[in-house]
């Protein structure tokens, strides 16, 4: 059976709940890449990301009876994936101690400067630095970047998945852009973004 559209997807789920559990493999096939991409960006260990991805689909199968259909199945399983991956990340907490950016620099950075991130994808050196900068974000920030930029989820879906308001999603994405800009700029300039002590003294 080919899954096409939300209505057919919900019909498939009803059949699974009536006992045709083998059909669940079709949902796994459809969402495996998206779920694994999200989990792998939140968890920086490939082996653990694989295990957590399997855990997500197991949880989703066990909780399938609670899927109401008010949101798409994609939003529903993304919510499970996001919560499971973030819970795992908080437990393991292999946080890069260099991931922070001085709050004063974030506050002083003009908004238009951060928008230059959009042009960096065309420059290999800056794109590589941007990839490394994303890896240095907090787990919650990496999840939001993955959903909005990589999976192209609209703000409304990002809000439904993360439990944030749409306004809060917009604010956090704006802050993340500024943070990434500073991390990339400091790497490409050969400076450090972690605190004010390593900033170049422009008064000398």
C-alpha atoms as a PDB file:
ATOM      1  CA  UNK A   1       0.000   0.000   0.000  1.00  0.00           C
ATOM      2  CA  UNK A   2       1.361   3.417  -0.990  1.00  0.00           C
ATOM      3  CA  UNK A   3       0.852   6.096   1.640  1.00  0.00           C
ATOM      4  CA  UNK A   4      -0.382   9.279  -0.031  1.00  0.00           C
ATOM      5  CA  UNK A   5      -1.677  12.211   1.919  1.00  0.00           C
ATOM      6  CA  UNK A   6      -2.833  12.654   5.463  1.00  0.00           C
ATOM      7  CA  UNK A   7      -6.217  10.949   4.992  1.00  0.00           C
ATOM      8  CA  UNK A   8      -4.665   7.777   3.614  1.00  0.00           C
ATOM      9  CA  UNK A   9      -2.082   7.903   6.369  1.00  0.00           C
ATOM     10  CA  UNK A  10      -4.801   8.035   9.014  1.00  0.00           C
ATOM     11  CA  UNK A  11      -6.609   5.146   7.289  1.00  0.00           C
ATOM     12  CA  UNK A  12      -3.374   3.174   7.462  1.00  0.00           C
ATOM     13  CA  UNK A  13      -3.045   3.935  11.173  1.00  0.00           C
ATOM     14  CA  UNK A  14      -6.593   2.711  11.788  1.00  0.00           C
ATOM     15  CA  UNK A  15      -5.733  -0.570  10.065  1.00  0.00           C
ATOM     16  CA  UNK A  16      -2.598  -0.922  12.220  1.00  0.00           C
ATOM     17  CA  UNK A  17      -4.637  -0.334  15.368  1.00  0.00           C
ATOM     18  CA  UNK A  18      -7.153  -2.981  14.234  1.00  0.00           C
ATOM     19  CA  UNK A  19      -4.372  -5.547  14.193  1.00  0.00           C
ATOM     20  CA  UNK A  20      -2.462  -5.195  10.912  1.00  0.00           C
ATOM     21  CA  UNK A  21       0.700  -4.285  12.775  1.00  0.00           C
ATOM     22  CA  UNK A  22       2.924  -5.298   9.842  1.00  0.00           C
ATOM     23  CA  UNK A  23       1.746  -2.131   8.065  1.00  0.00           C
ATOM     24  CA  UNK A  24       3.620  -0.031  10.620  1.00  0.00           C
ATOM     25  CA  UNK A  25       6.763  -0.710   8.565  1.00  0.00           C
ATOM     26  CA  UNK A  26       5.366   1.652   5.925  1.00  0.00           C
ATOM     27  CA  UNK A  27       5.277   4.531   8.401  1.00  0.00           C
ATOM     28  CA  UNK A  28       8.805   3.678   9.527  1.00  0.00           C
ATOM     29  CA  UNK A  29      10.031   3.668   5.923  1.00  0.00           C
ATOM     30  CA  UNK A  30       8.426   7.025   5.205  1.00  0.00           C
ATOM     31  CA  UNK A  31       9.746   8.858   8.268  1.00  0.00           C
ATOM     32  CA  UNK A  32      12.991   7.029   9.071  1.00  0.00           C
ATOM     33  CA  UNK A  33      15.257   9.533   7.326  1.00  0.00           C
ATOM     34  CA  UNK A  34      13.581  12.617   8.794  1.00  0.00           C
ATOM     35  CA  UNK A  35      13.505  11.230  12.316  1.00  0.00           C
ATOM     36  CA  UNK A  36      17.090  10.021  12.168  1.00  0.00           C
ATOM     37  CA  UNK A  37      18.276  13.393  10.794  1.00  0.00           C
ATOM     38  CA  UNK A  38      16.678  15.229  13.703  1.00  0.00           C
ATOM     39  CA  UNK A  39      17.941  12.777  16.313  1.00  0.00           C
ATOM     40  CA  UNK A  40      21.472  12.681  14.888  1.00  0.00           C
ATOM     41  CA  UNK A  41      21.769  16.476  14.946  1.00  0.00           C
ATOM     42  CA  UNK A  42      20.655  16.631  18.570  1.00  0.00           C
ATOM     43  CA  UNK A  43      22.821  13.700  19.688  1.00  0.00           C
ATOM     44  CA  UNK A  44      26.460  13.889  18.564  1.00  0.00           C
ATOM     45  CA  UNK A  45      27.144  10.147  18.812  1.00  0.00           C
ATOM     46  CA  UNK A  46      26.148   8.121  15.682  1.00  0.00           C
ATOM     47  CA  UNK A  47      25.683   4.854  17.581  1.00  0.00           C
ATOM     48  CA  UNK A  48      23.478   6.471  20.211  1.00  0.00           C
ATOM     49  CA  UNK A  49      21.532   8.368  17.544  1.00  0.00           C
ATOM     50  CA  UNK A  50      20.731   5.058  15.862  1.00  0.00           C
ATOM     51  CA  UNK A  51      19.513   3.568  19.142  1.00  0.00           C
ATOM     52  CA  UNK A  52      17.420   6.630  19.974  1.00  0.00           C
ATOM     53  CA  UNK A  53      15.863   6.586  16.489  1.00  0.00           C
ATOM     54  CA  UNK A  54      14.767   2.998  17.041  1.00  0.00           C
ATOM     55  CA  UNK A  55      13.422   4.002  20.456  1.00  0.00           C
ATOM     56  CA  UNK A  56      11.386   6.792  18.829  1.00  0.00           C
ATOM     57  CA  UNK A  57       9.622   4.387  16.464  1.00  0.00           C
ATOM     58  CA  UNK A  58       9.038   1.901  19.270  1.00  0.00           C
ATOM     59  CA  UNK A  59       7.477   4.645  21.414  1.00  0.00           C
ATOM     60  CA  UNK A  60       5.373   5.833  18.496  1.00  0.00           C
ATOM     61  CA  UNK A  61       4.077   2.300  17.900  1.00  0.00           C
ATOM     62  CA  UNK A  62       3.172   1.866  21.556  1.00  0.00           C
ATOM     63  CA  UNK A  63       1.459   5.278  21.663  1.00  0.00           C
ATOM     64  CA  UNK A  64      -0.243   5.008  18.279  1.00  0.00           C
ATOM     65  CA  UNK A  65      -3.645   4.634  19.888  1.00  0.00           C
ATOM     66  CA  UNK A  66      -3.214   8.132  21.306  1.00  0.00           C
ATOM     67  CA  UNK A  67      -2.710   9.710  17.885  1.00  0.00           C
ATOM     68  CA  UNK A  68      -5.845  11.821  17.454  1.00  0.00           C
ATOM     69  CA  UNK A  69      -5.258  13.039  13.923  1.00  0.00           C
ATOM     70  CA  UNK A  70      -5.630  16.708  14.917  1.00  0.00           C
ATOM     71  CA  UNK A  71      -2.066  17.236  13.669  1.00  0.00           C
ATOM     72  CA  UNK A  72      -0.278  15.411  10.882  1.00  0.00           C
ATOM     73  CA  UNK A  73       1.498  12.162  11.725  1.00  0.00           C
ATOM     74  CA  UNK A  74       4.724  13.911  10.752  1.00  0.00           C
ATOM     75  CA  UNK A  75       4.230  16.565  13.431  1.00  0.00           C
ATOM     76  CA  UNK A  76       3.235  13.913  15.960  1.00  0.00           C
ATOM     77  CA  UNK A  77       6.253  11.660  15.408  1.00  0.00           C
ATOM     78  CA  UNK A  78       8.607  14.646  15.197  1.00  0.00           C
ATOM     79  CA  UNK A  79       7.355  15.679  18.651  1.00  0.00           C
ATOM     80  CA  UNK A  80       8.189  12.222  20.011  1.00  0.00           C
ATOM     81  CA  UNK A  81      11.597  12.307  18.282  1.00  0.00           C
ATOM     82  CA  UNK A  82      12.405  15.784  19.568  1.00  0.00           C
ATOM     83  CA  UNK A  83      11.432  14.988  23.162  1.00  0.00           C
ATOM     84  CA  UNK A  84      13.248  11.636  23.146  1.00  0.00           C
ATOM     85  CA  UNK A  85      16.439  13.053  21.633  1.00  0.00           C
ATOM     86  CA  UNK A  86      16.513  16.063  23.966  1.00  0.00           C
ATOM     87  CA  UNK A  87      15.920  13.852  27.020  1.00  0.00           C
ATOM     88  CA  UNK A  88      18.827  11.662  25.945  1.00  0.00           C
ATOM     89  CA  UNK A  89      21.047  14.697  25.307  1.00  0.00           C
ATOM     90  CA  UNK A  90      20.291  16.106  28.759  1.00  0.00           C
ATOM     91  CA  UNK A  91      21.117  12.778  30.407  1.00  0.00           C
ATOM     92  CA  UNK A  92      24.428  12.343  28.620  1.00  0.00           C
ATOM     93  CA  UNK A  93      25.266  16.074  28.521  1.00  0.00           C
ATOM     94  CA  UNK A  94      28.420  15.907  26.401  1.00  0.00           C
ATOM     95  CA  UNK A  95      28.195  19.644  26.007  1.00  0.00           C
ATOM     96  CA  UNK A  96      31.018  21.482  24.275  1.00  0.00           C
ATOM     97  CA  UNK A  97      32.283  24.013  26.800  1.00  0.00           C
ATOM     98  CA  UNK A  98      33.152  26.342  23.909  1.00  0.00           C
ATOM     99  CA  UNK A  99      29.568  26.546  22.616  1.00  0.00           C
ATOM    100  CA  UNK A 100      28.659  29.747  24.421  1.00  0.00           C
ATOM    101  CA  UNK A 101      28.736  33.247  22.995  1.00  0.00           C
ATOM    102  CA  UNK A 102      29.128  36.314  25.147  1.00  0.00           C
ATOM    103  CA  UNK A 103      25.655  37.769  25.752  1.00  0.00           C
ATOM    104  CA  UNK A 104      26.960  41.309  25.273  1.00  0.00           C
ATOM    105  CA  UNK A 105      28.113  40.503  21.766  1.00  0.00           C
ATOM    106  CA  UNK A 106      24.754  38.983  20.879  1.00  0.00           C
ATOM    107  CA  UNK A 107      22.927  42.048  22.130  1.00  0.00           C
ATOM    108  CA  UNK A 108      25.208  44.456  20.231  1.00  0.00           C
ATOM    109  CA  UNK A 109      25.216  42.560  16.932  1.00  0.00           C
ATOM    110  CA  UNK A 110      23.052  44.394  14.343  1.00  0.00           C
ATOM    111  CA  UNK A 111      20.241  42.247  12.955  1.00  0.00           C
ATOM    112  CA  UNK A 112      21.351  42.836   9.362  1.00  0.00           C
ATOM    113  CA  UNK A 113      24.771  41.357  10.117  1.00  0.00           C
ATOM    114  CA  UNK A 114      23.265  38.033  11.167  1.00  0.00           C
ATOM    115  CA  UNK A 115      21.277  37.893   7.920  1.00  0.00           C
ATOM    116  CA  UNK A 116      24.573  37.490   6.055  1.00  0.00           C
ATOM    117  CA  UNK A 117      24.387  33.807   7.045  1.00  0.00           C
ATOM    118  CA  UNK A 118      22.099  33.321   4.046  1.00  0.00           C
ATOM    119  CA  UNK A 119      24.941  34.107   1.613  1.00  0.00           C
ATOM    120  CA  UNK A 120      27.546  31.864   3.231  1.00  0.00           C
ATOM    121  CA  UNK A 121      26.207  28.652   1.720  1.00  0.00           C
ATOM    122  CA  UNK A 122      27.925  29.662  -1.528  1.00  0.00           C
ATOM    123  CA  UNK A 123      31.357  29.849   0.104  1.00  0.00           C
ATOM    124  CA  UNK A 124      32.924  26.506   0.981  1.00  0.00           C
ATOM    125  CA  UNK A 125      35.120  27.740   3.836  1.00  0.00           C
ATOM    126  CA  UNK A 126      32.281  29.575   5.547  1.00  0.00           C
ATOM    127  CA  UNK A 127      29.845  26.714   4.920  1.00  0.00           C
ATOM    128  CA  UNK A 128      32.211  24.271   6.630  1.00  0.00           C
ATOM    129  CA  UNK A 129      32.599  26.688   9.540  1.00  0.00           C
ATOM    130  CA  UNK A 130      28.810  27.039   9.719  1.00  0.00           C
ATOM    131  CA  UNK A 131      28.419  23.252   9.938  1.00  0.00           C
ATOM    132  CA  UNK A 132      30.901  23.151  12.813  1.00  0.00           C
ATOM    133  CA  UNK A 133      29.143  26.077  14.499  1.00  0.00           C
ATOM    134  CA  UNK A 134      25.780  24.281  14.370  1.00  0.00           C
ATOM    135  CA  UNK A 135      27.391  21.273  16.069  1.00  0.00           C
ATOM    136  CA  UNK A 136      28.456  23.596  18.917  1.00  0.00           C
ATOM    137  CA  UNK A 137      24.929  24.836  19.639  1.00  0.00           C
ATOM    138  CA  UNK A 138      22.913  23.596  22.598  1.00  0.00           C
ATOM    139  CA  UNK A 139      20.798  20.497  21.890  1.00  0.00           C
ATOM    140  CA  UNK A 140      17.542  22.497  21.889  1.00  0.00           C
ATOM    141  CA  UNK A 141      19.029  24.974  19.403  1.00  0.00           C
ATOM    142  CA  UNK A 142      20.240  22.187  17.093  1.00  0.00           C
ATOM    143  CA  UNK A 143      16.761  20.673  17.122  1.00  0.00           C
ATOM    144  CA  UNK A 144      15.169  23.965  16.080  1.00  0.00           C
ATOM    145  CA  UNK A 145      17.773  24.564  13.352  1.00  0.00           C
ATOM    146  CA  UNK A 146      17.160  21.073  11.984  1.00  0.00           C
ATOM    147  CA  UNK A 147      13.386  21.454  11.927  1.00  0.00           C
ATOM    148  CA  UNK A 148      13.274  24.938  10.420  1.00  0.00           C
ATOM    149  CA  UNK A 149      16.269  25.014   8.074  1.00  0.00           C
ATOM    150  CA  UNK A 150      16.990  21.408   7.137  1.00  0.00           C
ATOM    151  CA  UNK A 151      13.498  19.900   7.200  1.00  0.00           C
ATOM    152  CA  UNK A 152      11.858  23.213   6.220  1.00  0.00           C
ATOM    153  CA  UNK A 153       9.077  22.935   8.787  1.00  0.00           C
ATOM    154  CA  UNK A 154       7.064  26.170   9.022  1.00  0.00           C
ATOM    155  CA  UNK A 155       7.157  28.144  12.260  1.00  0.00           C
ATOM    156  CA  UNK A 156       3.699  26.833  13.208  1.00  0.00           C
ATOM    157  CA  UNK A 157       4.880  23.217  12.934  1.00  0.00           C
ATOM    158  CA  UNK A 158       8.108  23.963  14.807  1.00  0.00           C
ATOM    159  CA  UNK A 159       5.940  25.364  17.587  1.00  0.00           C
ATOM    160  CA  UNK A 160       3.684  22.306  17.635  1.00  0.00           C
ATOM    161  CA  UNK A 161       6.687  19.960  17.750  1.00  0.00           C
ATOM    162  CA  UNK A 162       8.693  21.782  20.423  1.00  0.00           C
ATOM    163  CA  UNK A 163       5.812  23.012  22.586  1.00  0.00           C
ATOM    164  CA  UNK A 164       6.910  26.641  22.153  1.00  0.00           C
ATOM    165  CA  UNK A 165       4.694  29.472  20.985  1.00  0.00           C
ATOM    166  CA  UNK A 166       5.159  30.670  17.412  1.00  0.00           C
ATOM    167  CA  UNK A 167       6.463  33.965  18.735  1.00  0.00           C
ATOM    168  CA  UNK A 168       9.011  32.181  20.901  1.00  0.00           C
ATOM    169  CA  UNK A 169      10.146  30.060  17.951  1.00  0.00           C
ATOM    170  CA  UNK A 170      10.772  33.224  15.912  1.00  0.00           C
ATOM    171  CA  UNK A 171      12.698  34.846  18.760  1.00  0.00           C
ATOM    172  CA  UNK A 172      14.856  31.766  19.304  1.00  0.00           C
ATOM    173  CA  UNK A 173      15.595  31.356  15.600  1.00  0.00           C
ATOM    174  CA  UNK A 174      16.655  34.988  15.412  1.00  0.00           C
ATOM    175  CA  UNK A 175      18.954  34.538  18.399  1.00  0.00           C
ATOM    176  CA  UNK A 176      20.399  31.330  16.917  1.00  0.00           C
ATOM    177  CA  UNK A 177      21.199  33.124  13.647  1.00  0.00           C
ATOM    178  CA  UNK A 178      23.097  35.804  15.538  1.00  0.00           C
ATOM    179  CA  UNK A 179      24.919  33.192  17.598  1.00  0.00           C
ATOM    180  CA  UNK A 180      25.919  31.222  14.500  1.00  0.00           C
ATOM    181  CA  UNK A 181      27.103  34.383  12.788  1.00  0.00           C
ATOM    182  CA  UNK A 182      29.445  35.181  15.673  1.00  0.00           C
ATOM    183  CA  UNK A 183      30.728  31.605  15.923  1.00  0.00           C
ATOM    184  CA  UNK A 184      31.489  31.437  12.206  1.00  0.00           C
ATOM    185  CA  UNK A 185      32.949  34.936  12.019  1.00  0.00           C
ATOM    186  CA  UNK A 186      35.261  34.278  14.955  1.00  0.00           C
ATOM    187  CA  UNK A 187      36.433  30.984  13.469  1.00  0.00           C
ATOM    188  CA  UNK A 188      37.112  32.449  10.044  1.00  0.00           C
ATOM    189  CA  UNK A 189      38.778  35.495  11.618  1.00  0.00           C
ATOM    190  CA  UNK A 190      40.861  33.269  13.878  1.00  0.00           C
ATOM    191  CA  UNK A 191      39.365  34.608  17.115  1.00  0.00           C
ATOM    192  CA  UNK A 192      37.321  33.007  19.894  1.00  0.00           C
ATOM    193  CA  UNK A 193      33.595  33.395  20.513  1.00  0.00           C
ATOM    194  CA  UNK A 194      33.233  32.044  24.010  1.00  0.00           C
ATOM    195  CA  UNK A 195      33.597  35.159  26.130  1.00  0.00           C
ATOM    196  CA  UNK A 196      34.675  38.756  26.140  1.00  0.00           C
ATOM    197  CA  UNK A 197      38.190  38.020  27.380  1.00  0.00           C
ATOM    198  CA  UNK A 198      39.339  36.807  23.970  1.00  0.00           C
ATOM    199  CA  UNK A 199      37.868  39.607  21.901  1.00  0.00           C
ATOM    200  CA  UNK A 200      40.311  41.738  20.003  1.00  0.00           C
ATOM    201  CA  UNK A 201      40.883  45.061  21.722  1.00  0.00           C
ATOM    202  CA  UNK A 202      39.831  47.655  19.153  1.00  0.00           C
ATOM    203  CA  UNK A 203      40.902  50.529  21.355  1.00  0.00           C
ATOM    204  CA  UNK A 204      44.579  49.736  21.156  1.00  0.00           C
END
